[in-house]
Each structure stands twice: as C-alpha cells, then as structure tokens.
Amino acid sequence: MKLTQREKQKAANCWKQGKLLADEINLKSTTKKQFLHALKEGERIMQEQQGRIEYQEAAYMELWSDAHKLKQAYEDQTKELETAYKDRNEAIRRYNALHQLGKFAEGMGLDLTEKLPENQKTEWNKKYKFSINTKVLESGKSAYSAKLERRKSSNGQDFKKK
C-alpha cells in the first residue's frame, strides 16, 4: 500500500508544525489494515534508521582511529624535526666558530691554504688533538673555545723530533 500525494503532504504539514502524524489519526474511521500498514512502515523506518546509526558509529570509530594514528605520526615527526633543527643549529655554530678562527688566523698573517688539515690529516692527527666547544649564552650569542693539545705517547712523553 503506497502513500498518496495527499497523505505525504498531510505528513509534511504536520511535521512543519512540530506535531506527530500519529496524533492526526482518527481511530474510529481507520481500518485495521491501514493501522497495521502504518505500524509496519514505522517499524521499517526504525530498522533503516538503526542500520544507518550502526554504520555511522562504525565510520566514526574508524575516523577516530585514523585521527589517533595521524596525531601520533604528527608528534613523532615533530620530535624528529626538533632533533634535526638542533643538529643543524649545532653544525652552523661549529662552522661559524671555524670561520671566525680562520679570519682570526688570516688577521694574524697566517696562510691557511698552505697546510690544510685534510692534506696532512694522518700526520696532524698523530701529533695533535683538536677540539671545538660551543656554548650558547643567555643573550643568544654563541661563545666558542678551540683547543689544540700535543698528544702524549704511551710512556707519557711528547712526540718530539730528536
């Protein structure tokens, strides 16, 4: 039994007014067949709505799970990026320290191109221990300290030419 256009319009008008369609049913003039049909239609609609609710709940849980995974990935990437920036800044500070040392050496009249460490690395590393330390001050500036020490032999004496 299909609803007629008149019955559909009556239902729409009733819902616009904020009333229930069931309040409009005249029980004295309604047949059992019509009443049973309305009851079945109501139950069918409730079953469809229940199915939609279950589907939406499953979709919501899947979205929530994906959002949780995305949030975790974002936090991991943020930590990784933070570490990368720290490493980058430390490398820049060390480079600046070397650059300032180079300018300082040139200012003193030293020729840095004559004996570069990479050209004499094996000999140089055997005789000397070189280290650069960087300290970030409260003002945000960097303080550098470079240390060059003569290595000692296993018996405690300096490596010196005789």
N, C-alpha and C. Protein backbone atom coordinates (compact mmCIF):
# COMPACT_ATOMS: atom_id res chain seq x y z
N MET A 1 0.86 -1.17 0.00
CA MET A 1 0.00 0.00 0.00
C MET A 1 0.90 1.23 0.00
N LYS A 2 0.88 1.96 -1.08
CA LYS A 2 1.71 3.15 -1.24
C LYS A 2 0.96 4.37 -0.70
N LEU A 3 1.76 5.33 -0.24
CA LEU A 3 1.17 6.57 0.25
C LEU A 3 0.79 7.45 -0.94
N THR A 4 -0.34 8.10 -0.81
CA THR A 4 -0.78 9.01 -1.87
C THR A 4 -0.12 10.36 -1.66
N GLN A 5 -0.17 11.19 -2.68
CA GLN A 5 0.41 12.53 -2.61
C GLN A 5 -0.26 13.33 -1.50
N ARG A 6 -1.56 13.15 -1.34
CA ARG A 6 -2.32 13.86 -0.30
C ARG A 6 -1.83 13.46 1.09
N GLU A 7 -1.58 12.14 1.30
CA GLU A 7 -1.11 11.65 2.60
C GLU A 7 0.30 12.16 2.89
N LYS A 8 1.16 12.19 1.86
CA LYS A 8 2.52 12.71 2.02
C LYS A 8 2.49 14.18 2.41
N GLN A 9 1.63 14.95 1.74
CA GLN A 9 1.51 16.38 2.02
C GLN A 9 0.99 16.62 3.44
N LYS A 10 0.04 15.78 3.86
CA LYS A 10 -0.51 15.88 5.21
C LYS A 10 0.60 15.64 6.24
N ALA A 11 1.45 14.63 6.00
CA ALA A 11 2.55 14.32 6.91
C ALA A 11 3.55 15.47 6.95
N ALA A 12 3.86 16.04 5.80
CA ALA A 12 4.83 17.14 5.74
C ALA A 12 4.30 18.36 6.50
N ASN A 13 3.04 18.68 6.33
CA ASN A 13 2.44 19.81 7.04
C ASN A 13 2.46 19.58 8.55
N CYS A 14 2.17 18.36 8.94
CA CYS A 14 2.14 18.02 10.37
C CYS A 14 3.54 18.20 10.98
N TRP A 15 4.58 17.75 10.26
CA TRP A 15 5.95 17.84 10.78
C TRP A 15 6.44 19.29 10.82
N LYS A 16 6.00 20.10 9.86
CA LYS A 16 6.37 21.52 9.86
C LYS A 16 5.84 22.23 11.09
N GLN A 17 4.66 21.80 11.56
CA GLN A 17 4.05 22.40 12.74
C GLN A 17 4.63 21.84 14.04
N GLY A 18 5.50 20.84 13.94
CA GLY A 18 6.11 20.25 15.12
C GLY A 18 5.23 19.22 15.80
N LYS A 19 4.26 18.69 15.09
CA LYS A 19 3.35 17.69 15.65
C LYS A 19 3.75 16.30 15.15
N LEU A 20 3.16 15.30 15.78
CA LEU A 20 3.34 13.92 15.32
C LEU A 20 2.18 13.55 14.42
N LEU A 21 2.46 12.78 13.40
CA LEU A 21 1.42 12.33 12.48
C LEU A 21 0.45 11.40 13.19
N ALA A 22 0.92 10.67 14.16
CA ALA A 22 0.06 9.74 14.90
C ALA A 22 -1.05 10.47 15.64
N ASP A 23 -0.82 11.71 16.02
CA ASP A 23 -1.85 12.49 16.72
C ASP A 23 -3.02 12.82 15.78
N GLU A 24 -2.76 12.81 14.48
CA GLU A 24 -3.77 13.16 13.50
C GLU A 24 -4.65 11.97 13.08
N ILE A 25 -4.29 10.76 13.51
CA ILE A 25 -5.04 9.56 13.11
C ILE A 25 -6.38 9.50 13.86
N ASN A 26 -7.41 9.29 13.10
CA ASN A 26 -8.74 9.14 13.69
C ASN A 26 -8.97 7.63 13.84
N LEU A 27 -8.92 7.13 15.08
CA LEU A 27 -9.01 5.69 15.32
C LEU A 27 -10.39 5.12 14.98
N LYS A 28 -11.43 5.93 15.00
CA LYS A 28 -12.78 5.44 14.71
C LYS A 28 -12.95 5.15 13.22
N SER A 29 -12.30 5.97 12.36
CA SER A 29 -12.50 5.77 10.92
C SER A 29 -11.36 4.98 10.27
N THR A 30 -10.30 4.66 11.01
CA THR A 30 -9.16 3.92 10.46
C THR A 30 -9.42 2.43 10.54
N THR A 31 -9.15 1.74 9.45
CA THR A 31 -9.34 0.28 9.44
C THR A 31 -8.11 -0.38 10.03
N LYS A 32 -8.31 -1.67 10.40
CA LYS A 32 -7.18 -2.42 10.96
C LYS A 32 -6.07 -2.55 9.93
N LYS A 33 -6.44 -2.70 8.68
CA LYS A 33 -5.45 -2.86 7.61
C LYS A 33 -4.58 -1.60 7.48
N GLN A 34 -5.21 -0.43 7.52
CA GLN A 34 -4.47 0.83 7.44
C GLN A 34 -3.56 1.01 8.67
N PHE A 35 -4.13 0.67 9.83
CA PHE A 35 -3.36 0.80 11.07
C PHE A 35 -2.15 -0.14 11.07
N LEU A 36 -2.35 -1.38 10.62
CA LEU A 36 -1.26 -2.35 10.54
C LEU A 36 -0.20 -1.89 9.54
N HIS A 37 -0.65 -1.34 8.42
CA HIS A 37 0.28 -0.82 7.42
C HIS A 37 1.14 0.32 8.00
N ALA A 38 0.52 1.23 8.71
CA ALA A 38 1.24 2.34 9.33
C ALA A 38 2.25 1.83 10.36
N LEU A 39 1.82 0.81 11.12
CA LEU A 39 2.71 0.22 12.13
C LEU A 39 3.93 -0.44 11.47
N LYS A 40 3.69 -1.18 10.38
CA LYS A 40 4.79 -1.83 9.66
C LYS A 40 5.74 -0.80 9.04
N GLU A 41 5.18 0.25 8.47
CA GLU A 41 6.02 1.31 7.88
C GLU A 41 6.88 1.98 8.95
N GLY A 42 6.29 2.22 10.10
CA GLY A 42 7.05 2.82 11.21
C GLY A 42 8.19 1.92 11.66
N GLU A 43 7.90 0.63 11.76
CA GLU A 43 8.94 -0.32 12.17
C GLU A 43 10.04 -0.42 11.10
N ARG A 44 9.66 -0.44 9.83
CA ARG A 44 10.64 -0.50 8.75
C ARG A 44 11.56 0.73 8.78
N ILE A 45 10.97 1.88 9.00
CA ILE A 45 11.75 3.13 9.08
C ILE A 45 12.72 3.08 10.27
N MET A 46 12.23 2.57 11.42
CA MET A 46 13.10 2.46 12.59
C MET A 46 14.27 1.51 12.32
N GLN A 47 14.02 0.39 11.61
CA GLN A 47 15.08 -0.55 11.29
C GLN A 47 16.12 0.09 10.36
N GLU A 48 15.64 0.85 9.37
CA GLU A 48 16.56 1.56 8.47
C GLU A 48 17.41 2.56 9.25
N GLN A 49 16.76 3.29 10.14
CA GLN A 49 17.50 4.28 10.94
C GLN A 49 18.52 3.60 11.85
N GLN A 50 18.14 2.45 12.42
CA GLN A 50 19.09 1.71 13.28
C GLN A 50 20.30 1.26 12.46
N GLY A 51 20.06 0.79 11.24
CA GLY A 51 21.16 0.39 10.35
C GLY A 51 22.07 1.56 10.03
N ARG A 52 21.47 2.72 9.77
CA ARG A 52 22.27 3.92 9.48
C ARG A 52 23.09 4.34 10.70
N ILE A 53 22.49 4.25 11.87
CA ILE A 53 23.21 4.61 13.11
C ILE A 53 24.40 3.69 13.31
N GLU A 54 24.20 2.38 13.11
CA GLU A 54 25.30 1.43 13.28
C GLU A 54 26.41 1.70 12.27
N TYR A 55 26.04 2.01 11.03
CA TYR A 55 27.03 2.31 10.00
C TYR A 55 27.81 3.58 10.37
N GLN A 56 27.09 4.60 10.83
CA GLN A 56 27.74 5.86 11.21
C GLN A 56 28.66 5.68 12.42
N GLU A 57 28.26 4.85 13.37
CA GLU A 57 29.11 4.57 14.53
C GLU A 57 30.40 3.88 14.10
N ALA A 58 30.28 2.91 13.18
CA ALA A 58 31.48 2.21 12.68
C ALA A 58 32.38 3.18 11.93
N ALA A 59 31.80 4.05 11.11
CA ALA A 59 32.58 5.03 10.37
C ALA A 59 33.25 6.01 11.33
N TYR A 60 32.54 6.42 12.37
CA TYR A 60 33.10 7.33 13.37
C TYR A 60 34.29 6.69 14.07
N MET A 61 34.15 5.42 14.46
CA MET A 61 35.25 4.74 15.15
C MET A 61 36.47 4.61 14.24
N GLU A 62 36.24 4.35 12.96
CA GLU A 62 37.35 4.26 12.01
C GLU A 62 38.03 5.62 11.85
N LEU A 63 37.23 6.67 11.76
CA LEU A 63 37.80 8.02 11.66
C LEU A 63 38.56 8.39 12.93
N TRP A 64 38.02 8.03 14.07
CA TRP A 64 38.69 8.32 15.34
C TRP A 64 40.02 7.59 15.40
N SER A 65 40.04 6.35 14.98
CA SER A 65 41.27 5.56 14.97
C SER A 65 42.30 6.18 14.03
N ASP A 66 41.86 6.58 12.84
CA ASP A 66 42.76 7.23 11.88
C ASP A 66 43.29 8.55 12.43
N ALA A 67 42.43 9.31 13.09
CA ALA A 67 42.85 10.59 13.67
C ALA A 67 43.89 10.35 14.77
N HIS A 68 43.70 9.31 15.56
CA HIS A 68 44.66 8.99 16.62
C HIS A 68 46.02 8.63 16.01
N LYS A 69 45.99 7.81 14.96
CA LYS A 69 47.24 7.43 14.28
C LYS A 69 47.91 8.66 13.67
N LEU A 70 47.12 9.53 13.08
CA LEU A 70 47.65 10.75 12.48
C LEU A 70 48.27 11.66 13.53
N LYS A 71 47.62 11.77 14.67
CA LYS A 71 48.15 12.60 15.75
C LYS A 71 49.47 12.03 16.25
N GLN A 72 49.55 10.71 16.39
CA GLN A 72 50.79 10.07 16.84
C GLN A 72 51.91 10.29 15.82
N ALA A 73 51.59 10.16 14.53
CA ALA A 73 52.59 10.39 13.49
C ALA A 73 53.06 11.85 13.50
N TYR A 74 52.13 12.78 13.73
CA TYR A 74 52.48 14.20 13.81
C TYR A 74 53.43 14.46 14.98
N GLU A 75 53.14 13.86 16.13
CA GLU A 75 54.01 14.05 17.29
C GLU A 75 55.40 13.47 17.04
N ASP A 76 55.45 12.29 16.40
CA ASP A 76 56.75 11.69 16.07
C ASP A 76 57.54 12.56 15.10
N GLN A 77 56.86 13.09 14.10
CA GLN A 77 57.53 13.95 13.12
C GLN A 77 58.00 15.25 13.76
N THR A 78 57.22 15.77 14.69
CA THR A 78 57.61 16.99 15.39
C THR A 78 58.89 16.77 16.19
N LYS A 79 58.96 15.64 16.90
CA LYS A 79 60.17 15.32 17.66
C LYS A 79 61.37 15.15 16.73
N GLU A 80 61.16 14.47 15.62
CA GLU A 80 62.25 14.25 14.66
C GLU A 80 62.72 15.57 14.07
N LEU A 81 61.78 16.45 13.75
CA LEU A 81 62.11 17.75 13.20
C LEU A 81 62.87 18.60 14.22
N GLU A 82 62.45 18.52 15.47
CA GLU A 82 63.13 19.25 16.54
C GLU A 82 64.58 18.80 16.66
N THR A 83 64.80 17.50 16.61
CA THR A 83 66.15 16.95 16.68
C THR A 83 66.97 17.41 15.48
N ALA A 84 66.36 17.39 14.30
CA ALA A 84 67.07 17.82 13.10
C ALA A 84 67.46 19.29 13.19
N TYR A 85 66.59 20.13 13.71
CA TYR A 85 66.92 21.55 13.87
C TYR A 85 68.04 21.75 14.89
N LYS A 86 68.02 20.98 15.95
CA LYS A 86 69.10 21.09 16.94
C LYS A 86 70.43 20.72 16.30
N ASP A 87 70.45 19.62 15.55
CA ASP A 87 71.68 19.19 14.87
C ASP A 87 72.13 20.24 13.86
N ARG A 88 71.18 20.79 13.12
CA ARG A 88 71.51 21.82 12.12
C ARG A 88 72.11 23.05 12.78
N ASN A 89 71.49 23.50 13.86
CA ASN A 89 71.98 24.69 14.55
C ASN A 89 73.36 24.46 15.14
N GLU A 90 73.60 23.27 15.68
CA GLU A 90 74.91 22.95 16.23
C GLU A 90 75.97 22.95 15.12
N ALA A 91 75.62 22.41 13.96
CA ALA A 91 76.55 22.42 12.83
C ALA A 91 76.85 23.84 12.37
N ILE A 92 75.83 24.68 12.35
CA ILE A 92 76.04 26.09 11.96
C ILE A 92 76.95 26.78 12.97
N ARG A 93 76.72 26.53 14.25
CA ARG A 93 77.58 27.15 15.28
C ARG A 93 79.03 26.71 15.12
N ARG A 94 79.24 25.44 14.88
CA ARG A 94 80.60 24.94 14.70
C ARG A 94 81.25 25.52 13.45
N TYR A 95 80.47 25.62 12.39
CA TYR A 95 81.00 26.21 11.17
C TYR A 95 81.40 27.66 11.41
N ASN A 96 80.54 28.41 12.10
CA ASN A 96 80.84 29.81 12.40
C ASN A 96 82.10 29.93 13.25
N ALA A 97 82.27 28.99 14.18
CA ALA A 97 83.48 29.02 15.01
C ALA A 97 84.72 28.81 14.14
N LEU A 98 84.67 27.86 13.24
CA LEU A 98 85.80 27.62 12.34
C LEU A 98 86.04 28.83 11.44
N HIS A 99 84.98 29.43 10.97
CA HIS A 99 85.10 30.61 10.11
C HIS A 99 85.76 31.77 10.87
N GLN A 100 85.31 31.99 12.09
CA GLN A 100 85.90 33.06 12.89
C GLN A 100 87.37 32.77 13.20
N LEU A 101 87.69 31.51 13.48
CA LEU A 101 89.09 31.14 13.71
C LEU A 101 89.91 31.38 12.46
N GLY A 102 89.35 31.08 11.29
CA GLY A 102 90.05 31.33 10.03
C GLY A 102 90.31 32.80 9.81
N LYS A 103 89.31 33.64 10.08
CA LYS A 103 89.50 35.09 9.95
C LYS A 103 90.55 35.59 10.93
N PHE A 104 90.49 35.05 12.14
CA PHE A 104 91.46 35.44 13.17
C PHE A 104 92.88 35.06 12.73
N ALA A 105 93.01 33.87 12.17
CA ALA A 105 94.33 33.42 11.72
C ALA A 105 94.81 34.26 10.54
N GLU A 106 93.94 34.58 9.61
CA GLU A 106 94.32 35.44 8.49
C GLU A 106 94.72 36.83 8.97
N GLY A 107 94.02 37.32 9.99
CA GLY A 107 94.35 38.62 10.57
C GLY A 107 95.73 38.63 11.20
N MET A 108 96.16 37.49 11.67
CA MET A 108 97.50 37.39 12.28
C MET A 108 98.57 37.12 11.23
N GLY A 109 98.16 37.02 9.97
CA GLY A 109 99.12 36.82 8.90
C GLY A 109 99.42 35.37 8.58
N LEU A 110 98.66 34.44 9.07
CA LEU A 110 98.90 33.02 8.78
C LEU A 110 98.28 32.66 7.44
N ASP A 111 98.97 31.84 6.66
CA ASP A 111 98.45 31.35 5.39
C ASP A 111 97.79 30.01 5.64
N LEU A 112 96.48 29.98 5.58
CA LEU A 112 95.73 28.77 5.88
C LEU A 112 95.68 27.80 4.71
N THR A 113 95.93 28.29 3.52
CA THR A 113 95.85 27.40 2.36
C THR A 113 97.10 26.56 2.20
N GLU A 114 98.17 26.93 2.85
CA GLU A 114 99.43 26.20 2.69
C GLU A 114 99.39 24.82 3.32
N LYS A 115 98.89 24.75 4.54
CA LYS A 115 98.86 23.47 5.26
C LYS A 115 97.46 23.21 5.82
N LEU A 116 96.61 22.73 4.96
CA LEU A 116 95.26 22.42 5.40
C LEU A 116 95.25 21.09 6.14
N PRO A 117 94.42 20.94 7.16
CA PRO A 117 94.38 19.70 7.93
C PRO A 117 94.03 18.47 7.08
N GLU A 118 93.13 18.63 6.10
CA GLU A 118 92.78 17.45 5.30
C GLU A 118 93.94 16.97 4.44
N ASN A 119 94.88 17.85 4.13
CA ASN A 119 96.05 17.44 3.36
C ASN A 119 97.09 16.74 4.24
N GLN A 120 97.12 17.04 5.51
CA GLN A 120 98.10 16.45 6.41
C GLN A 120 97.40 15.74 7.56
N LYS A 121 96.29 15.18 7.30
CA LYS A 121 95.44 14.63 8.35
C LYS A 121 96.11 13.52 9.14
N THR A 122 96.72 12.57 8.48
CA THR A 122 97.29 11.45 9.21
C THR A 122 98.42 11.90 10.12
N GLU A 123 99.31 12.73 9.61
CA GLU A 123 100.43 13.23 10.42
C GLU A 123 99.92 14.15 11.52
N TRP A 124 99.00 15.01 11.17
CA TRP A 124 98.48 16.01 12.10
C TRP A 124 97.74 15.34 13.25
N ASN A 125 96.89 14.34 12.94
CA ASN A 125 96.11 13.66 13.98
C ASN A 125 96.98 12.86 14.93
N LYS A 126 98.12 12.41 14.47
CA LYS A 126 99.01 11.67 15.36
C LYS A 126 99.65 12.59 16.38
N LYS A 127 99.96 13.80 15.98
CA LYS A 127 100.70 14.71 16.86
C LYS A 127 99.80 15.56 17.75
N TYR A 128 98.62 15.93 17.25
CA TYR A 128 97.79 16.90 17.96
C TYR A 128 96.36 16.40 18.15
N LYS A 129 95.75 16.90 19.19
CA LYS A 129 94.33 16.65 19.45
C LYS A 129 93.64 18.02 19.38
N PHE A 130 92.66 18.15 18.47
CA PHE A 130 91.98 19.42 18.25
C PHE A 130 90.51 19.25 18.61
N SER A 131 89.95 20.22 19.34
CA SER A 131 88.53 20.17 19.67
C SER A 131 87.96 21.59 19.70
N ILE A 132 86.69 21.69 19.31
CA ILE A 132 85.97 22.97 19.35
C ILE A 132 84.73 22.77 20.21
N ASN A 133 84.51 23.66 21.16
CA ASN A 133 83.32 23.62 22.01
C ASN A 133 82.52 24.89 21.79
N THR A 134 81.21 24.74 21.74
CA THR A 134 80.32 25.88 21.54
C THR A 134 79.40 25.99 22.75
N LYS A 135 79.25 27.20 23.24
CA LYS A 135 78.36 27.44 24.38
C LYS A 135 77.42 28.58 24.00
N VAL A 136 76.11 28.36 24.12
CA VAL A 136 75.13 29.39 23.82
C VAL A 136 74.88 30.19 25.10
N LEU A 137 75.12 31.49 25.02
CA LEU A 137 74.95 32.36 26.18
C LEU A 137 73.48 32.75 26.34
N GLU A 138 73.15 33.33 27.48
CA GLU A 138 71.77 33.74 27.74
C GLU A 138 71.30 34.80 26.74
N SER A 139 72.23 35.59 26.23
CA SER A 139 71.87 36.63 25.27
C SER A 139 71.54 36.05 23.90
N GLY A 140 71.82 34.75 23.71
CA GLY A 140 71.55 34.13 22.44
C GLY A 140 72.78 34.03 21.56
N LYS A 141 73.84 34.71 21.96
CA LYS A 141 75.08 34.64 21.19
C LYS A 141 75.80 33.34 21.54
N SER A 142 76.73 32.98 20.68
CA SER A 142 77.50 31.75 20.89
C SER A 142 78.92 32.11 21.27
N ALA A 143 79.45 31.40 22.25
CA ALA A 143 80.85 31.56 22.65
C ALA A 143 81.57 30.29 22.22
N TYR A 144 82.72 30.45 21.57
CA TYR A 144 83.46 29.32 21.05
C TYR A 144 84.78 29.20 21.79
N SER A 145 85.19 27.97 21.97
CA SER A 145 86.53 27.74 22.51
C SER A 145 87.15 26.60 21.71
N ALA A 146 88.37 26.82 21.27
CA ALA A 146 89.08 25.81 20.49
C ALA A 146 90.31 25.40 21.28
N LYS A 147 90.63 24.13 21.23
CA LYS A 147 91.74 23.59 21.98
C LYS A 147 92.62 22.76 21.06
N LEU A 148 93.92 23.01 21.11
CA LEU A 148 94.88 22.23 20.35
C LEU A 148 95.92 21.75 21.34
N GLU A 149 95.98 20.44 21.54
CA GLU A 149 96.91 19.86 22.51
C GLU A 149 97.83 18.89 21.80
N ARG A 150 99.06 18.87 22.24
CA ARG A 150 100.01 17.89 21.72
C ARG A 150 99.69 16.56 22.37
N ARG A 151 99.57 15.50 21.56
CA ARG A 151 99.29 14.17 22.09
C ARG A 151 100.52 13.62 22.79
N LYS A 152 100.30 12.80 23.78
CA LYS A 152 101.38 12.18 24.53
C LYS A 152 101.52 10.73 24.09
N SER A 153 102.70 10.23 24.14
CA SER A 153 102.94 8.82 23.77
C SER A 153 102.50 7.92 24.91
N SER A 154 102.58 6.63 24.69
CA SER A 154 102.12 5.68 25.70
C SER A 154 102.98 5.73 26.97
N ASN A 155 104.23 6.17 26.86
CA ASN A 155 105.07 6.27 28.07
C ASN A 155 104.98 7.64 28.72
N GLY A 156 104.09 8.51 28.21
CA GLY A 156 103.84 9.79 28.86
C GLY A 156 104.66 10.92 28.33
N GLN A 157 105.49 10.72 27.32
CA GLN A 157 106.32 11.78 26.77
C GLN A 157 105.69 12.33 25.50
N ASP A 158 106.00 13.58 25.17
CA ASP A 158 105.52 14.19 23.94
C ASP A 158 106.17 13.53 22.73
N PHE A 159 105.46 13.56 21.60
CA PHE A 159 106.05 13.12 20.35
C PHE A 159 106.90 14.26 19.84
N LYS A 160 108.16 14.22 19.98
CA LYS A 160 109.05 15.28 19.52
C LYS A 160 110.11 14.67 18.63
N LYS A 161 110.53 15.49 17.67
CA LYS A 161 111.62 15.03 16.80
C LYS A 161 112.91 15.17 17.57
N LYS A 162 113.82 14.22 17.39
CA LYS A 162 115.10 14.27 18.08
C LYS A 162 116.18 14.73 17.17
